[in-house]
Amino acid sequence: FIAGTNPETVYLYRPFAQLNFGADTMMTDLGDVNVGMTYITVDRLATVFNTLTGLGEKVIEEPVTFVAEGIATDEILVTNGQNYTWVAMDYMLMMDDADVVEVAASFNVNMDDPVEHLIANVPLKKNYRTNIVGDLFTTDAILNIILDPAFLKPDEDITVGVAEEPEFDAATNT
């Protein structure tokens, strides 16, 4: 604790974009859909975070695949006032505040072949959620891409004490 602090509002922003997939139905002609493994491939990503600039560095200019088991949650993905079953969620380290990437999604489900989607021009934005939602598991899939500023809620503002320079120097010099 440093005495004599001045309160200052600090806004914390994530250097990541969150990419979500949500299904509006988990039923097909073959019955209920149970998602096993998910494979989300992005055409390029940053791999190193620079704490001074708040951005990623050293971009991998080749596809990067996130592999995960189906999301084990009953939480619902809500976007634009509609509810979706959460199928996949990944965090992408951003080189800039925003970027547009190509995403390939493959879902191993209780069917003969995986369900696959290739989505060009997916917008990603630092500290935002990009939701790809719709009929993920039907043959005539209709997908919507929604950029959601869900991470910019006022209740995420925090106030911290910031020491004046002489007090900070005295407290940190031993």
C-alpha atoms as a PDB file:
ATOM      1  CA  PHE A   1       0.000   0.000   0.000  1.00  0.00           C
ATOM      2  CA  ILE A   2       1.269   3.445  -0.925  1.00  0.00           C
ATOM      3  CA  ALA A   3      -0.063   6.382   1.101  1.00  0.00           C
ATOM      4  CA  GLY A   4      -1.305   9.508  -0.607  1.00  0.00           C
ATOM      5  CA  THR A   5      -2.725   7.887  -3.695  1.00  0.00           C
ATOM      6  CA  ASN A   6      -4.959   9.630  -6.166  1.00  0.00           C
ATOM      7  CA  PRO A   7      -7.931   7.656  -7.493  1.00  0.00           C
ATOM      8  CA  GLU A   8      -7.840   7.196 -11.247  1.00  0.00           C
ATOM      9  CA  THR A   9     -10.133   5.192 -13.508  1.00  0.00           C
ATOM     10  CA  VAL A  10      -8.244   2.554 -15.454  1.00  0.00           C
ATOM     11  CA  TYR A  11      -9.790   0.811 -18.454  1.00  0.00           C
ATOM     12  CA  LEU A  12      -8.559  -2.705 -19.024  1.00  0.00           C
ATOM     13  CA  TYR A  13      -8.810  -4.001 -22.579  1.00  0.00           C
ATOM     14  CA  ARG A  14      -8.012  -7.509 -23.668  1.00  0.00           C
ATOM     15  CA  PRO A  15      -5.444  -7.875 -26.477  1.00  0.00           C
ATOM     16  CA  PHE A  16      -7.513 -10.803 -27.728  1.00  0.00           C
ATOM     17  CA  ALA A  17     -10.513 -11.150 -29.981  1.00  0.00           C
ATOM     18  CA  GLN A  18     -12.945 -13.864 -28.948  1.00  0.00           C
ATOM     19  CA  LEU A  19     -14.299 -16.045 -31.759  1.00  0.00           C
ATOM     20  CA  ASN A  20     -17.489 -17.963 -30.967  1.00  0.00           C
ATOM     21  CA  PHE A  21     -19.619 -20.419 -32.907  1.00  0.00           C
ATOM     22  CA  GLY A  22     -23.243 -20.866 -31.916  1.00  0.00           C
ATOM     23  CA  ALA A  23     -25.962 -23.129 -33.312  1.00  0.00           C
ATOM     24  CA  ASP A  24     -29.598 -22.129 -33.360  1.00  0.00           C
ATOM     25  CA  THR A  25     -30.647 -25.773 -33.349  1.00  0.00           C
ATOM     26  CA  MET A  26     -28.968 -28.961 -32.220  1.00  0.00           C
ATOM     27  CA  MET A  27     -31.364 -31.139 -34.246  1.00  0.00           C
ATOM     28  CA  THR A  28     -31.044 -32.526 -37.780  1.00  0.00           C
ATOM     29  CA  ASP A  29     -32.855 -35.162 -39.800  1.00  0.00           C
ATOM     30  CA  LEU A  30     -30.490 -37.667 -38.166  1.00  0.00           C
ATOM     31  CA  GLY A  31     -31.503 -36.653 -34.632  1.00  0.00           C
ATOM     32  CA  ASP A  32     -29.834 -34.716 -31.838  1.00  0.00           C
ATOM     33  CA  VAL A  33     -26.401 -33.244 -32.534  1.00  0.00           C
ATOM     34  CA  ASN A  34     -23.663 -33.920 -29.992  1.00  0.00           C
ATOM     35  CA  VAL A  35     -20.439 -32.041 -30.699  1.00  0.00           C
ATOM     36  CA  GLY A  36     -17.278 -33.982 -29.925  1.00  0.00           C
ATOM     37  CA  MET A  37     -14.086 -32.320 -31.144  1.00  0.00           C
ATOM     38  CA  THR A  38     -13.957 -28.894 -32.764  1.00  0.00           C
ATOM     39  CA  TYR A  39     -11.223 -27.699 -35.110  1.00  0.00           C
ATOM     40  CA  ILE A  40     -11.120 -23.946 -35.720  1.00  0.00           C
ATOM     41  CA  THR A  41      -8.426 -22.851 -38.199  1.00  0.00           C
ATOM     42  CA  VAL A  42      -7.475 -19.194 -38.737  1.00  0.00           C
ATOM     43  CA  ASP A  43      -5.284 -18.209 -41.684  1.00  0.00           C
ATOM     44  CA  ARG A  44      -2.846 -16.114 -39.559  1.00  0.00           C
ATOM     45  CA  LEU A  45      -2.335 -14.986 -35.957  1.00  0.00           C
ATOM     46  CA  ALA A  46       0.052 -13.030 -33.771  1.00  0.00           C
ATOM     47  CA  THR A  47       2.120 -15.168 -31.412  1.00  0.00           C
ATOM     48  CA  VAL A  48       3.883 -12.722 -29.055  1.00  0.00           C
ATOM     49  CA  PHE A  49       2.269 -10.010 -26.911  1.00  0.00           C
ATOM     50  CA  ASN A  50       4.099  -6.685 -26.483  1.00  0.00           C
ATOM     51  CA  THR A  51       3.104  -5.159 -23.130  1.00  0.00           C
ATOM     52  CA  LEU A  52       4.303  -1.693 -24.180  1.00  0.00           C
ATOM     53  CA  THR A  53       2.178  -1.406 -27.314  1.00  0.00           C
ATOM     54  CA  GLY A  54      -0.676  -3.656 -26.152  1.00  0.00           C
ATOM     55  CA  LEU A  55      -0.548  -5.550 -29.438  1.00  0.00           C
ATOM     56  CA  GLY A  56       0.609  -8.896 -30.712  1.00  0.00           C
ATOM     57  CA  GLU A  57       3.790  -9.325 -32.699  1.00  0.00           C
ATOM     58  CA  LYS A  58       5.446 -12.007 -34.838  1.00  0.00           C
ATOM     59  CA  VAL A  59       2.553 -13.024 -37.002  1.00  0.00           C
ATOM     60  CA  ILE A  60       2.316 -16.619 -38.136  1.00  0.00           C
ATOM     61  CA  GLU A  61       1.484 -16.285 -41.834  1.00  0.00           C
ATOM     62  CA  GLU A  62       0.193 -19.835 -42.058  1.00  0.00           C
ATOM     63  CA  PRO A  63      -2.974 -21.447 -40.737  1.00  0.00           C
ATOM     64  CA  VAL A  64      -3.220 -22.040 -36.993  1.00  0.00           C
ATOM     65  CA  THR A  65      -5.690 -24.647 -35.711  1.00  0.00           C
ATOM     66  CA  PHE A  66      -7.352 -24.646 -32.304  1.00  0.00           C
ATOM     67  CA  VAL A  67      -8.461 -28.139 -31.288  1.00  0.00           C
ATOM     68  CA  ALA A  68     -10.878 -28.632 -28.431  1.00  0.00           C
ATOM     69  CA  GLU A  69     -13.480 -30.983 -27.105  1.00  0.00           C
ATOM     70  CA  GLY A  70     -17.039 -29.733 -27.282  1.00  0.00           C
ATOM     71  CA  ILE A  71     -17.774 -26.985 -24.805  1.00  0.00           C
ATOM     72  CA  ALA A  72     -18.891 -28.561 -21.546  1.00  0.00           C
ATOM     73  CA  THR A  73     -21.273 -25.824 -20.450  1.00  0.00           C
ATOM     74  CA  ASP A  74     -24.957 -25.163 -20.352  1.00  0.00           C
ATOM     75  CA  GLU A  75     -24.287 -21.445 -20.833  1.00  0.00           C
ATOM     76  CA  ILE A  76     -26.150 -19.955 -23.764  1.00  0.00           C
ATOM     77  CA  LEU A  77     -24.504 -17.674 -26.328  1.00  0.00           C
ATOM     78  CA  VAL A  78     -26.722 -14.599 -26.570  1.00  0.00           C
ATOM     79  CA  THR A  79     -26.228 -12.177 -29.439  1.00  0.00           C
ATOM     80  CA  ASN A  80     -28.620  -9.691 -31.021  1.00  0.00           C
ATOM     81  CA  GLY A  81     -31.247 -10.796 -28.510  1.00  0.00           C
ATOM     82  CA  GLN A  82     -31.235 -14.416 -29.716  1.00  0.00           C
ATOM     83  CA  ASN A  83     -30.086 -17.544 -27.896  1.00  0.00           C
ATOM     84  CA  TYR A  84     -27.684 -20.054 -29.459  1.00  0.00           C
ATOM     85  CA  THR A  85     -26.047 -23.241 -28.221  1.00  0.00           C
ATOM     86  CA  TRP A  86     -22.366 -22.474 -27.685  1.00  0.00           C
ATOM     87  CA  VAL A  87     -20.366 -24.849 -29.894  1.00  0.00           C
ATOM     88  CA  ALA A  88     -16.828 -23.383 -29.944  1.00  0.00           C
ATOM     89  CA  MET A  89     -14.923 -20.495 -28.363  1.00  0.00           C
ATOM     90  CA  ASP A  90     -11.341 -19.418 -29.098  1.00  0.00           C
ATOM     91  CA  TYR A  91      -9.210 -16.373 -28.291  1.00  0.00           C
ATOM     92  CA  MET A  92      -7.090 -14.767 -31.027  1.00  0.00           C
ATOM     93  CA  LEU A  93      -4.112 -12.532 -30.185  1.00  0.00           C
ATOM     94  CA  MET A  94      -4.453  -9.446 -32.356  1.00  0.00           C
ATOM     95  CA  MET A  95      -1.665  -7.692 -34.321  1.00  0.00           C
ATOM     96  CA  ASP A  96      -3.755  -4.542 -34.709  1.00  0.00           C
ATOM     97  CA  ASP A  97      -6.946  -3.311 -33.130  1.00  0.00           C
ATOM     98  CA  ALA A  98      -8.904  -5.082 -35.872  1.00  0.00           C
ATOM     99  CA  ASP A  99      -8.286  -7.539 -38.708  1.00  0.00           C
ATOM    100  CA  VAL A 100     -10.166  -9.671 -41.209  1.00  0.00           C
ATOM    101  CA  VAL A 101      -9.220 -13.357 -41.438  1.00  0.00           C
ATOM    102  CA  GLU A 102     -10.368 -16.554 -43.097  1.00  0.00           C
ATOM    103  CA  VAL A 103     -11.735 -19.204 -40.740  1.00  0.00           C
ATOM    104  CA  ALA A 104     -12.298 -22.898 -41.387  1.00  0.00           C
ATOM    105  CA  ALA A 105     -14.436 -24.727 -38.843  1.00  0.00           C
ATOM    106  CA  SER A 106     -14.826 -28.479 -38.545  1.00  0.00           C
ATOM    107  CA  PHE A 107     -17.123 -30.073 -35.980  1.00  0.00           C
ATOM    108  CA  ASN A 108     -16.979 -33.793 -35.212  1.00  0.00           C
ATOM    109  CA  VAL A 109     -20.526 -34.708 -34.376  1.00  0.00           C
ATOM    110  CA  ASN A 110     -22.546 -37.906 -34.125  1.00  0.00           C
ATOM    111  CA  MET A 111     -22.814 -38.183 -37.913  1.00  0.00           C
ATOM    112  CA  ASP A 112     -20.747 -40.012 -40.511  1.00  0.00           C
ATOM    113  CA  ASP A 113     -18.685 -37.004 -41.630  1.00  0.00           C
ATOM    114  CA  PRO A 114     -17.591 -33.866 -39.797  1.00  0.00           C
ATOM    115  CA  VAL A 115     -19.591 -30.717 -40.457  1.00  0.00           C
ATOM    116  CA  GLU A 116     -17.306 -28.169 -42.095  1.00  0.00           C
ATOM    117  CA  HIS A 117     -17.585 -24.475 -42.920  1.00  0.00           C
ATOM    118  CA  LEU A 118     -15.132 -22.124 -44.649  1.00  0.00           C
ATOM    119  CA  ILE A 119     -15.861 -18.487 -43.838  1.00  0.00           C
ATOM    120  CA  ALA A 120     -13.929 -15.751 -45.638  1.00  0.00           C
ATOM    121  CA  ASN A 121     -13.649 -12.191 -44.344  1.00  0.00           C
ATOM    122  CA  VAL A 122     -14.337 -12.818 -40.667  1.00  0.00           C
ATOM    123  CA  PRO A 123     -13.866  -9.545 -38.740  1.00  0.00           C
ATOM    124  CA  LEU A 124     -11.904  -9.812 -35.502  1.00  0.00           C
ATOM    125  CA  LYS A 125     -11.463  -6.874 -33.155  1.00  0.00           C
ATOM    126  CA  LYS A 126      -9.376  -6.591 -30.006  1.00  0.00           C
ATOM    127  CA  ASN A 127     -11.570  -6.799 -26.894  1.00  0.00           C
ATOM    128  CA  TYR A 128     -14.669  -7.777 -28.929  1.00  0.00           C
ATOM    129  CA  ARG A 129     -16.504 -11.020 -29.582  1.00  0.00           C
ATOM    130  CA  THR A 130     -17.073 -12.203 -33.136  1.00  0.00           C
ATOM    131  CA  ASN A 131     -20.036 -14.566 -33.131  1.00  0.00           C
ATOM    132  CA  ILE A 132     -20.644 -16.893 -36.064  1.00  0.00           C
ATOM    133  CA  VAL A 133     -24.134 -18.205 -35.480  1.00  0.00           C
ATOM    134  CA  GLY A 134     -26.887 -19.942 -37.372  1.00  0.00           C
ATOM    135  CA  ASP A 135     -27.715 -23.329 -38.873  1.00  0.00           C
ATOM    136  CA  LEU A 136     -24.285 -24.887 -38.308  1.00  0.00           C
ATOM    137  CA  PHE A 137     -25.406 -28.493 -38.689  1.00  0.00           C
ATOM    138  CA  THR A 138     -27.872 -28.469 -41.567  1.00  0.00           C
ATOM    139  CA  THR A 139     -27.064 -29.008 -45.221  1.00  0.00           C
ATOM    140  CA  ASP A 140     -28.427 -25.603 -46.209  1.00  0.00           C
ATOM    141  CA  ALA A 141     -26.456 -23.780 -43.548  1.00  0.00           C
ATOM    142  CA  ILE A 142     -27.160 -20.093 -43.102  1.00  0.00           C
ATOM    143  CA  LEU A 143     -24.525 -18.345 -41.007  1.00  0.00           C
ATOM    144  CA  ASN A 144     -24.494 -14.834 -39.578  1.00  0.00           C
ATOM    145  CA  ILE A 145     -21.399 -12.997 -38.377  1.00  0.00           C
ATOM    146  CA  ILE A 146     -22.019 -10.535 -35.555  1.00  0.00           C
ATOM    147  CA  LEU A 147     -19.316  -8.364 -34.001  1.00  0.00           C
ATOM    148  CA  ASP A 148     -20.374  -7.881 -30.386  1.00  0.00           C
ATOM    149  CA  PRO A 149     -18.798  -5.286 -28.066  1.00  0.00           C
ATOM    150  CA  ALA A 150     -19.711  -7.462 -25.083  1.00  0.00           C
ATOM    151  CA  PHE A 151     -16.379  -6.819 -23.376  1.00  0.00           C
ATOM    152  CA  LEU A 152     -16.923  -3.054 -23.167  1.00  0.00           C
ATOM    153  CA  LYS A 153     -19.440  -3.029 -20.341  1.00  0.00           C
ATOM    154  CA  PRO A 154     -19.324  -0.152 -17.827  1.00  0.00           C
ATOM    155  CA  ASP A 155     -19.186  -2.600 -14.911  1.00  0.00           C
ATOM    156  CA  GLU A 156     -15.724  -3.644 -16.076  1.00  0.00           C
ATOM    157  CA  ASP A 157     -14.266  -0.204 -15.223  1.00  0.00           C
ATOM    158  CA  ILE A 158     -12.178  -0.297 -12.077  1.00  0.00           C
ATOM    159  CA  THR A 159     -10.691   2.476  -9.981  1.00  0.00           C
ATOM    160  CA  VAL A 160      -7.192   2.048  -8.615  1.00  0.00           C
ATOM    161  CA  GLY A 161      -4.935   4.210  -6.489  1.00  0.00           C
ATOM    162  CA  VAL A 162      -2.103   5.772  -8.457  1.00  0.00           C
ATOM    163  CA  ALA A 163       0.810   7.059  -6.416  1.00  0.00           C
ATOM    164  CA  GLU A 164       2.327  10.438  -7.064  1.00  0.00           C
ATOM    165  CA  GLU A 165       5.836  10.131  -8.497  1.00  0.00           C
ATOM    166  CA  PRO A 166       7.951  10.920  -5.349  1.00  0.00           C
ATOM    167  CA  GLU A 167       5.904   8.482  -3.228  1.00  0.00           C
ATOM    168  CA  PHE A 168       6.138   5.795  -5.903  1.00  0.00           C
ATOM    169  CA  ASP A 169       9.906   6.214  -6.194  1.00  0.00           C
ATOM    170  CA  ALA A 170      10.322   6.074  -2.406  1.00  0.00           C
ATOM    171  CA  ALA A 171       8.142   2.962  -2.147  1.00  0.00           C
ATOM    172  CA  THR A 172       9.936   1.079  -4.913  1.00  0.00           C
ATOM    173  CA  ASN A 173      13.566   1.965  -4.042  1.00  0.00           C
ATOM    174  CA  THR A 174      14.968  -0.323  -1.389  1.00  0.00           C
END
